[in-house]
């Protein structure tokens, strides 16, 4: 007797297809871009062909992976996972670091003998270090705290971002 596919199973399969397919495509695209950076002798036709093959390979792997997925063994486990909030909290430092990188890249800091990569690395590390310290605090401290104290790390990251933007503007 064959199991009936429910709408929850269908949503789980679509999410698995998109997640795995997009991840595979980005990994293969990074490999192609890295090869292009290493040797500039690769013709553009080969690069385009490699990207097209990456798309088809990502679609194939995403399709194969989605065939093994159903609601009970995938989406339900992800939603009920204890690691989901931690993974979602990683979005905030990534956003702050990306915004700061865009700001540093838009300014011409090379006239000031400032290594822009060092500034980006320092500030990005500060955001992730703040989140890591918050995770350690949660693990050690089991008492109930007010909502303000639980999300204090977001305010600290925001002020660190504001201060780093102010510091960057001092080079003008």
N, C-alpha and C. Protein backbone atom coordinates (compact mmCIF):
# COMPACT_ATOMS: atom_id res chain seq x y z
N UNK A 1 0.83 -1.17 0.00
CA UNK A 1 0.00 0.00 0.00
C UNK A 1 0.88 1.25 0.00
N UNK A 2 0.63 2.15 -0.88
CA UNK A 2 1.44 3.34 -1.03
C UNK A 2 0.87 4.46 -0.16
N UNK A 3 1.79 5.20 0.49
CA UNK A 3 1.37 6.30 1.33
C UNK A 3 0.86 7.46 0.48
N UNK A 4 -0.15 8.12 0.99
CA UNK A 4 -0.71 9.27 0.30
C UNK A 4 0.14 10.50 0.60
N UNK A 5 0.45 11.28 -0.39
CA UNK A 5 1.23 12.49 -0.22
C UNK A 5 0.32 13.60 0.28
N UNK A 6 0.68 14.17 1.42
CA UNK A 6 -0.10 15.25 1.99
C UNK A 6 0.50 16.59 1.57
N UNK A 7 -0.21 17.65 1.90
CA UNK A 7 0.30 18.98 1.56
C UNK A 7 1.55 19.30 2.38
N UNK A 8 1.65 18.77 3.60
CA UNK A 8 2.86 18.98 4.41
C UNK A 8 4.06 18.29 3.76
N UNK A 9 3.83 17.09 3.22
CA UNK A 9 4.91 16.40 2.52
C UNK A 9 5.34 17.17 1.28
N UNK A 10 4.39 17.72 0.56
CA UNK A 10 4.69 18.47 -0.66
C UNK A 10 5.50 19.72 -0.34
N UNK A 11 5.11 20.43 0.72
CA UNK A 11 5.86 21.62 1.13
C UNK A 11 7.27 21.23 1.56
N UNK A 12 7.41 20.13 2.29
CA UNK A 12 8.73 19.67 2.70
C UNK A 12 9.60 19.33 1.51
N UNK A 13 9.03 18.69 0.51
CA UNK A 13 9.80 18.34 -0.69
C UNK A 13 10.21 19.57 -1.48
N UNK A 14 9.32 20.53 -1.59
CA UNK A 14 9.66 21.77 -2.31
C UNK A 14 10.76 22.52 -1.58
N UNK A 15 10.66 22.62 -0.26
CA UNK A 15 11.71 23.30 0.52
C UNK A 15 13.04 22.58 0.41
N UNK A 16 13.02 21.25 0.47
CA UNK A 16 14.26 20.50 0.32
C UNK A 16 14.86 20.69 -1.06
N UNK A 17 14.01 20.68 -2.09
CA UNK A 17 14.49 20.89 -3.46
C UNK A 17 15.14 22.26 -3.60
N UNK A 18 14.48 23.30 -3.09
CA UNK A 18 15.03 24.65 -3.22
C UNK A 18 16.29 24.83 -2.39
N UNK A 19 16.27 24.35 -1.16
CA UNK A 19 17.43 24.53 -0.29
C UNK A 19 18.66 23.80 -0.82
N UNK A 20 18.49 22.55 -1.15
CA UNK A 20 19.64 21.77 -1.61
C UNK A 20 20.07 22.22 -3.00
N UNK A 21 19.12 22.50 -3.86
CA UNK A 21 19.46 22.96 -5.21
C UNK A 21 20.21 24.28 -5.20
N UNK A 22 19.74 25.24 -4.42
CA UNK A 22 20.41 26.55 -4.36
C UNK A 22 21.78 26.42 -3.71
N UNK A 23 21.89 25.60 -2.68
CA UNK A 23 23.19 25.41 -2.03
C UNK A 23 24.20 24.79 -2.98
N UNK A 24 23.79 23.76 -3.71
CA UNK A 24 24.69 23.12 -4.67
C UNK A 24 25.08 24.11 -5.77
N UNK A 25 24.13 24.90 -6.25
CA UNK A 25 24.43 25.87 -7.29
C UNK A 25 25.45 26.90 -6.80
N UNK A 26 25.27 27.41 -5.59
CA UNK A 26 26.22 28.40 -5.07
C UNK A 26 27.60 27.80 -4.86
N UNK A 27 27.67 26.57 -4.39
CA UNK A 27 28.97 25.93 -4.21
C UNK A 27 29.67 25.75 -5.55
N UNK A 28 28.93 25.26 -6.54
CA UNK A 28 29.54 25.07 -7.86
C UNK A 28 29.91 26.40 -8.50
N UNK A 29 29.10 27.43 -8.29
CA UNK A 29 29.42 28.76 -8.83
C UNK A 29 30.67 29.33 -8.17
N UNK A 30 30.83 29.10 -6.87
CA UNK A 30 32.04 29.56 -6.20
C UNK A 30 33.27 28.83 -6.73
N UNK A 31 33.12 27.56 -7.04
CA UNK A 31 34.25 26.81 -7.61
C UNK A 31 34.61 27.38 -8.98
N UNK A 32 33.60 27.67 -9.79
CA UNK A 32 33.85 28.24 -11.11
C UNK A 32 34.49 29.62 -10.99
N UNK A 33 33.95 30.45 -10.08
CA UNK A 33 34.51 31.79 -9.90
C UNK A 33 35.94 31.73 -9.36
N UNK A 34 36.21 30.77 -8.46
CA UNK A 34 37.56 30.60 -7.95
C UNK A 34 38.52 30.17 -9.04
N UNK A 35 38.07 29.27 -9.91
CA UNK A 35 38.91 28.87 -11.05
C UNK A 35 39.18 30.03 -11.98
N UNK A 36 38.21 30.88 -12.15
CA UNK A 36 38.39 32.07 -13.00
C UNK A 36 39.37 33.04 -12.38
N UNK A 37 39.35 33.17 -11.05
CA UNK A 37 40.27 34.06 -10.37
C UNK A 37 41.71 33.53 -10.42
N UNK A 38 41.84 32.21 -10.30
CA UNK A 38 43.18 31.62 -10.29
C UNK A 38 43.85 31.77 -11.65
N UNK A 39 43.12 31.42 -12.69
CA UNK A 39 43.68 31.55 -14.04
C UNK A 39 42.74 32.38 -14.88
N UNK A 40 43.24 33.42 -15.43
CA UNK A 40 42.42 34.28 -16.29
C UNK A 40 42.42 33.80 -17.73
N UNK A 41 43.03 32.64 -17.99
CA UNK A 41 43.13 32.14 -19.35
C UNK A 41 41.91 31.34 -19.78
N UNK A 42 40.96 31.13 -18.89
CA UNK A 42 39.78 30.34 -19.23
C UNK A 42 38.86 31.19 -20.10
N UNK A 43 38.50 30.70 -21.28
CA UNK A 43 37.59 31.47 -22.14
C UNK A 43 36.21 31.63 -21.50
N UNK A 44 35.54 32.72 -21.86
CA UNK A 44 34.22 32.99 -21.26
C UNK A 44 33.20 31.95 -21.67
N UNK A 45 33.38 31.33 -22.83
CA UNK A 45 32.44 30.28 -23.25
C UNK A 45 32.46 29.11 -22.28
N UNK A 46 33.64 28.76 -21.79
CA UNK A 46 33.74 27.66 -20.82
C UNK A 46 33.12 28.04 -19.49
N UNK A 47 33.26 29.29 -19.11
CA UNK A 47 32.65 29.76 -17.86
C UNK A 47 31.13 29.67 -17.97
N UNK A 48 30.58 30.13 -19.06
CA UNK A 48 29.13 30.08 -19.27
C UNK A 48 28.66 28.63 -19.29
N UNK A 49 29.39 27.77 -19.97
CA UNK A 49 29.05 26.35 -20.00
C UNK A 49 29.09 25.74 -18.60
N UNK A 50 30.10 26.10 -17.81
CA UNK A 50 30.21 25.57 -16.44
C UNK A 50 29.05 26.06 -15.58
N UNK A 51 28.61 27.28 -15.76
CA UNK A 51 27.48 27.79 -14.98
C UNK A 51 26.19 27.09 -15.40
N UNK A 52 26.00 26.86 -16.68
CA UNK A 52 24.81 26.14 -17.15
C UNK A 52 24.81 24.71 -16.62
N UNK A 53 25.97 24.05 -16.66
CA UNK A 53 26.06 22.70 -16.09
C UNK A 53 25.82 22.71 -14.58
N UNK A 54 26.25 23.77 -13.91
CA UNK A 54 26.00 23.90 -12.48
C UNK A 54 24.50 23.99 -12.20
N UNK A 55 23.78 24.72 -13.03
CA UNK A 55 22.33 24.84 -12.86
C UNK A 55 21.67 23.48 -13.01
N UNK A 56 22.02 22.76 -14.07
CA UNK A 56 21.41 21.46 -14.30
C UNK A 56 21.79 20.45 -13.21
N UNK A 57 23.03 20.48 -12.77
CA UNK A 57 23.46 19.59 -11.71
C UNK A 57 22.76 19.93 -10.40
N UNK A 58 22.58 21.21 -10.11
CA UNK A 58 21.87 21.62 -8.90
C UNK A 58 20.41 21.19 -8.96
N UNK A 59 19.78 21.32 -10.12
CA UNK A 59 18.39 20.87 -10.27
C UNK A 59 18.27 19.36 -10.07
N UNK A 60 19.21 18.62 -10.63
CA UNK A 60 19.19 17.17 -10.53
C UNK A 60 19.38 16.72 -9.08
N UNK A 61 20.39 17.27 -8.41
CA UNK A 61 20.66 16.88 -7.02
C UNK A 61 19.51 17.31 -6.11
N UNK A 62 18.95 18.49 -6.35
CA UNK A 62 17.81 18.93 -5.57
C UNK A 62 16.60 18.03 -5.76
N UNK A 63 16.37 17.59 -7.00
CA UNK A 63 15.25 16.69 -7.28
C UNK A 63 15.46 15.34 -6.60
N UNK A 64 16.67 14.79 -6.72
CA UNK A 64 16.95 13.49 -6.10
C UNK A 64 16.80 13.57 -4.57
N UNK A 65 17.27 14.64 -3.99
CA UNK A 65 17.17 14.78 -2.54
C UNK A 65 15.72 14.96 -2.10
N UNK A 66 14.93 15.65 -2.90
CA UNK A 66 13.54 15.90 -2.50
C UNK A 66 12.68 14.64 -2.58
N UNK A 67 13.12 13.64 -3.31
CA UNK A 67 12.36 12.40 -3.40
C UNK A 67 12.40 11.61 -2.10
N UNK A 68 13.44 11.83 -1.28
CA UNK A 68 13.59 11.08 -0.03
C UNK A 68 12.99 11.82 1.17
N UNK A 69 12.40 12.97 0.94
CA UNK A 69 11.95 13.83 2.03
C UNK A 69 10.44 13.71 2.21
N UNK A 70 10.03 13.69 3.46
CA UNK A 70 8.62 13.88 3.78
C UNK A 70 8.55 14.71 5.05
N UNK A 71 7.35 15.04 5.47
CA UNK A 71 7.17 15.96 6.60
C UNK A 71 7.74 15.39 7.89
N UNK A 72 7.55 14.11 8.12
CA UNK A 72 7.96 13.52 9.38
C UNK A 72 9.47 13.47 9.55
N UNK A 73 10.20 13.26 8.46
CA UNK A 73 11.65 13.11 8.63
C UNK A 73 12.44 14.36 8.27
N UNK A 74 11.79 15.46 7.92
CA UNK A 74 12.58 16.63 7.57
C UNK A 74 12.05 17.90 8.21
N UNK A 75 10.96 18.41 7.70
CA UNK A 75 10.50 19.72 8.14
C UNK A 75 10.11 19.72 9.61
N UNK A 76 9.49 18.67 10.06
CA UNK A 76 9.09 18.59 11.47
C UNK A 76 10.32 18.56 12.38
N UNK A 77 11.35 17.86 11.95
CA UNK A 77 12.57 17.81 12.76
C UNK A 77 13.28 19.17 12.78
N UNK A 78 13.24 19.88 11.67
CA UNK A 78 13.88 21.19 11.62
C UNK A 78 13.13 22.19 12.49
N UNK A 79 11.80 22.20 12.39
CA UNK A 79 11.00 23.14 13.16
C UNK A 79 11.11 22.86 14.65
N UNK A 80 11.15 21.61 15.04
CA UNK A 80 11.22 21.24 16.45
C UNK A 80 12.66 21.18 16.98
N UNK A 81 13.62 21.49 16.14
CA UNK A 81 15.02 21.41 16.54
C UNK A 81 15.36 22.52 17.53
N UNK A 82 16.26 22.20 18.44
CA UNK A 82 16.74 23.20 19.38
C UNK A 82 17.78 24.12 18.75
N UNK A 83 18.31 23.73 17.62
CA UNK A 83 19.33 24.54 16.96
C UNK A 83 18.75 25.60 16.03
N UNK A 84 17.47 25.53 15.72
CA UNK A 84 16.85 26.49 14.80
C UNK A 84 16.98 27.93 15.28
N UNK A 85 16.71 28.26 16.54
CA UNK A 85 16.87 29.66 16.95
C UNK A 85 18.31 30.15 16.82
N UNK A 86 19.26 29.27 17.09
CA UNK A 86 20.67 29.66 16.97
C UNK A 86 21.03 29.93 15.50
N UNK A 87 20.52 29.12 14.61
CA UNK A 87 20.78 29.34 13.19
C UNK A 87 20.13 30.62 12.71
N UNK A 88 18.94 30.91 13.18
CA UNK A 88 18.27 32.15 12.79
C UNK A 88 18.97 33.38 13.37
N UNK A 89 19.56 33.24 14.55
CA UNK A 89 20.28 34.36 15.14
C UNK A 89 21.56 34.70 14.38
N UNK A 90 22.07 33.79 13.61
CA UNK A 90 23.27 34.07 12.82
C UNK A 90 22.98 35.05 11.68
N UNK A 91 21.72 35.25 11.36
CA UNK A 91 21.36 36.15 10.27
C UNK A 91 21.75 37.59 10.59
N UNK A 92 21.54 38.01 11.84
CA UNK A 92 21.80 39.40 12.21
C UNK A 92 23.27 39.81 12.05
N UNK A 93 24.25 39.05 12.57
CA UNK A 93 25.64 39.47 12.33
C UNK A 93 26.04 39.40 10.86
N UNK A 94 25.44 38.48 10.12
CA UNK A 94 25.74 38.42 8.68
C UNK A 94 25.23 39.68 7.99
N UNK A 95 24.05 40.14 8.35
CA UNK A 95 23.50 41.36 7.76
C UNK A 95 24.36 42.56 8.11
N UNK A 96 24.71 42.71 9.40
CA UNK A 96 25.54 43.84 9.81
C UNK A 96 26.91 43.81 9.12
N UNK A 97 27.51 42.64 9.04
CA UNK A 97 28.82 42.53 8.39
C UNK A 97 28.72 42.85 6.90
N UNK A 98 27.67 42.38 6.26
CA UNK A 98 27.49 42.66 4.83
C UNK A 98 27.27 44.14 4.58
N UNK A 99 26.45 44.78 5.40
CA UNK A 99 26.23 46.22 5.25
C UNK A 99 27.52 47.00 5.47
N UNK A 100 28.29 46.59 6.46
CA UNK A 100 29.56 47.28 6.70
C UNK A 100 30.54 47.05 5.56
N UNK A 101 30.55 45.85 5.01
CA UNK A 101 31.42 45.58 3.86
C UNK A 101 31.04 46.46 2.68
N UNK A 102 29.74 46.59 2.42
CA UNK A 102 29.28 47.45 1.32
C UNK A 102 29.71 48.89 1.55
N UNK A 103 29.61 49.36 2.79
CA UNK A 103 30.01 50.72 3.11
C UNK A 103 31.51 50.92 2.93
N UNK A 104 32.30 49.98 3.41
CA UNK A 104 33.76 50.08 3.27
C UNK A 104 34.15 50.03 1.80
N UNK A 105 33.48 49.16 1.05
CA UNK A 105 33.79 49.03 -0.37
C UNK A 105 33.42 50.28 -1.15
N UNK A 106 32.39 51.00 -0.71
CA UNK A 106 31.96 52.20 -1.42
C UNK A 106 32.90 53.38 -1.18
N UNK A 107 33.66 53.34 -0.09
CA UNK A 107 34.61 54.41 0.21
C UNK A 107 35.98 54.04 -0.35
N UNK A 108 36.73 55.05 -0.68
CA UNK A 108 38.07 54.83 -1.20
C UNK A 108 39.07 55.01 -0.07
N UNK A 109 39.30 53.96 0.69
CA UNK A 109 40.17 54.05 1.87
C UNK A 109 41.64 53.89 1.54
N UNK A 110 41.96 53.59 0.32
CA UNK A 110 43.36 53.33 -0.01
C UNK A 110 44.18 54.61 -0.07
N UNK A 111 43.53 55.76 -0.09
CA UNK A 111 44.26 57.03 -0.04
C UNK A 111 44.79 57.32 1.36
N UNK A 112 44.26 56.64 2.37
CA UNK A 112 44.64 56.90 3.76
C UNK A 112 45.59 55.84 4.31
N UNK A 113 46.11 54.97 3.49
CA UNK A 113 46.98 53.87 3.92
C UNK A 113 46.30 53.01 4.98
N UNK A 114 45.03 52.78 4.81
CA UNK A 114 44.26 51.95 5.71
C UNK A 114 43.92 50.66 4.99
N UNK A 115 44.17 49.56 5.62
CA UNK A 115 43.81 48.28 5.04
C UNK A 115 42.33 48.03 5.32
N UNK A 116 41.51 48.12 4.30
CA UNK A 116 40.07 47.96 4.46
C UNK A 116 39.71 46.55 4.90
N UNK A 117 40.49 45.58 4.49
CA UNK A 117 40.21 44.19 4.87
C UNK A 117 40.35 43.99 6.38
N UNK A 118 41.32 44.68 6.98
CA UNK A 118 41.50 44.56 8.43
C UNK A 118 40.31 45.16 9.18
N UNK A 119 39.82 46.28 8.70
CA UNK A 119 38.68 46.92 9.35
C UNK A 119 37.44 46.04 9.23
N UNK A 120 37.20 45.50 8.04
CA UNK A 120 36.03 44.64 7.84
C UNK A 120 36.14 43.40 8.71
N UNK A 121 37.31 42.79 8.76
CA UNK A 121 37.50 41.58 9.57
C UNK A 121 37.31 41.88 11.05
N UNK A 122 37.84 42.98 11.51
CA UNK A 122 37.71 43.34 12.92
C UNK A 122 36.25 43.58 13.30
N UNK A 123 35.54 44.34 12.50
CA UNK A 123 34.14 44.66 12.83
C UNK A 123 33.25 43.43 12.67
N UNK A 124 33.45 42.65 11.62
CA UNK A 124 32.67 41.43 11.44
C UNK A 124 32.89 40.44 12.57
N UNK A 125 34.14 40.32 13.01
CA UNK A 125 34.45 39.45 14.13
C UNK A 125 33.79 39.95 15.41
N UNK A 126 33.72 41.26 15.56
CA UNK A 126 33.05 41.84 16.73
C UNK A 126 31.58 41.45 16.78
N UNK A 127 30.90 41.47 15.64
CA UNK A 127 29.49 41.08 15.61
C UNK A 127 29.30 39.61 15.98
N UNK A 128 30.10 38.76 15.38
CA UNK A 128 29.98 37.33 15.67
C UNK A 128 30.43 37.00 17.09
N UNK A 129 31.43 37.70 17.59
CA UNK A 129 31.88 37.49 18.97
C UNK A 129 30.78 37.88 19.96
N UNK A 130 30.07 38.97 19.68
CA UNK A 130 28.96 39.38 20.53
C UNK A 130 27.89 38.30 20.58
N UNK A 131 27.57 37.72 19.44
CA UNK A 131 26.57 36.64 19.41
C UNK A 131 27.08 35.40 20.14
N UNK A 132 28.34 35.08 19.97
CA UNK A 132 28.92 33.92 20.66
C UNK A 132 28.89 34.11 22.17
N UNK A 133 29.20 35.30 22.65
CA UNK A 133 29.15 35.59 24.08
C UNK A 133 27.72 35.46 24.60
N UNK A 134 26.74 35.88 23.79
CA UNK A 134 25.34 35.73 24.19
C UNK A 134 24.97 34.25 24.30
N UNK A 135 25.44 33.44 23.37
CA UNK A 135 25.16 32.01 23.44
C UNK A 135 25.78 31.39 24.69
N UNK A 136 27.00 31.80 25.02
CA UNK A 136 27.63 31.30 26.24
C UNK A 136 26.86 31.74 27.48
N UNK A 137 26.40 32.99 27.49
CA UNK A 137 25.63 33.48 28.63
C UNK A 137 24.35 32.66 28.82
N UNK A 138 23.67 32.35 27.71
CA UNK A 138 22.44 31.56 27.80
C UNK A 138 22.72 30.16 28.33
N UNK A 139 23.82 29.59 27.89
CA UNK A 139 24.14 28.23 28.32
C UNK A 139 24.46 28.18 29.81
N UNK A 140 25.17 29.18 30.31
CA UNK A 140 25.57 29.21 31.73
C UNK A 140 24.45 29.69 32.64
N UNK A 141 23.64 30.65 32.16
CA UNK A 141 22.64 31.29 33.00
C UNK A 141 21.27 30.70 32.69
N UNK A 142 20.72 29.94 33.61
CA UNK A 142 19.43 29.28 33.40
C UNK A 142 18.27 30.06 34.02
N UNK A 143 18.52 31.20 34.65
CA UNK A 143 17.45 31.96 35.28
C UNK A 143 16.67 32.74 34.23
N UNK A 144 15.43 33.04 34.57
CA UNK A 144 14.61 33.85 33.67
C UNK A 144 15.01 35.31 33.80
N UNK A 145 15.22 35.91 32.67
CA UNK A 145 15.61 37.32 32.64
C UNK A 145 14.49 38.12 31.96
N UNK A 146 14.46 39.43 32.20
CA UNK A 146 13.49 40.25 31.46
C UNK A 146 13.80 40.23 29.96
N UNK A 147 12.80 40.55 29.17
CA UNK A 147 12.95 40.53 27.70
C UNK A 147 14.08 41.45 27.26
N UNK A 148 14.20 42.60 27.91
CA UNK A 148 15.26 43.55 27.54
C UNK A 148 16.63 42.91 27.67
N UNK A 149 16.84 42.19 28.74
CA UNK A 149 18.15 41.58 28.97
C UNK A 149 18.41 40.43 28.01
N UNK A 150 17.35 39.71 27.62
CA UNK A 150 17.53 38.60 26.70
C UNK A 150 17.99 39.05 25.32
N UNK A 151 17.56 40.23 24.91
CA UNK A 151 17.89 40.72 23.58
C UNK A 151 18.85 41.91 23.63
N UNK A 152 19.60 42.01 24.69
CA UNK A 152 20.58 43.08 24.83
C UNK A 152 21.70 42.97 23.79
N UNK A 153 22.01 41.77 23.38
CA UNK A 153 23.08 41.58 22.40
C UNK A 153 22.73 42.24 21.06
N UNK A 154 21.46 42.32 20.72
CA UNK A 154 21.06 42.99 19.47
C UNK A 154 21.35 44.47 19.57
N UNK A 155 21.07 45.06 20.72
CA UNK A 155 21.35 46.49 20.92
C UNK A 155 22.85 46.73 20.90
N UNK A 156 23.61 45.82 21.50
CA UNK A 156 25.08 45.95 21.49
C UNK A 156 25.60 45.87 20.06
N UNK A 157 25.08 44.93 19.26
CA UNK A 157 25.51 44.83 17.86
C UNK A 157 25.14 46.09 17.08
N UNK A 158 23.96 46.62 17.34
CA UNK A 158 23.53 47.83 16.63
C UNK A 158 24.45 49.00 16.97
N UNK A 159 24.77 49.19 18.27
CA UNK A 159 25.67 50.28 18.64
C UNK A 159 27.08 50.04 18.11
N UNK A 160 27.52 48.81 18.05
CA UNK A 160 28.83 48.51 17.45
C UNK A 160 28.83 48.87 15.97
N UNK A 161 27.72 48.59 15.30
CA UNK A 161 27.61 48.95 13.89
C UNK A 161 27.64 50.47 13.72
N UNK A 162 26.87 51.18 14.54
CA UNK A 162 26.84 52.65 14.47
C UNK A 162 28.23 53.23 14.75
N UNK A 163 28.90 52.71 15.78
CA UNK A 163 30.24 53.20 16.11
C UNK A 163 31.23 52.91 14.98
N UNK A 164 31.14 51.73 14.37
CA UNK A 164 32.07 51.40 13.29
C UNK A 164 31.81 52.26 12.05
N UNK A 165 30.55 52.60 11.78
CA UNK A 165 30.25 53.51 10.67
C UNK A 165 30.80 54.91 10.98
N UNK A 166 30.65 55.34 12.23
CA UNK A 166 31.21 56.64 12.62
C UNK A 166 32.72 56.63 12.46
N UNK A 167 33.37 55.55 12.89
CA UNK A 167 34.82 55.45 12.75
C UNK A 167 35.24 55.48 11.30
N UNK A 168 34.49 54.81 10.46
CA UNK A 168 34.80 54.79 9.04
C UNK A 168 34.65 56.18 8.43
N UNK A 169 33.67 56.93 8.89
CA UNK A 169 33.46 58.28 8.34
C UNK A 169 34.53 59.26 8.81
N UNK A 170 35.33 58.89 9.78
CA UNK A 170 36.42 59.77 10.23
C UNK A 170 37.54 59.85 9.20
N UNK A 171 37.56 58.96 8.23
CA UNK A 171 38.60 58.96 7.21
C UNK A 171 38.32 59.94 6.09
N UNK A 172 37.16 60.57 6.10
CA UNK A 172 36.85 61.51 5.02
C UNK A 172 37.48 62.85 5.24
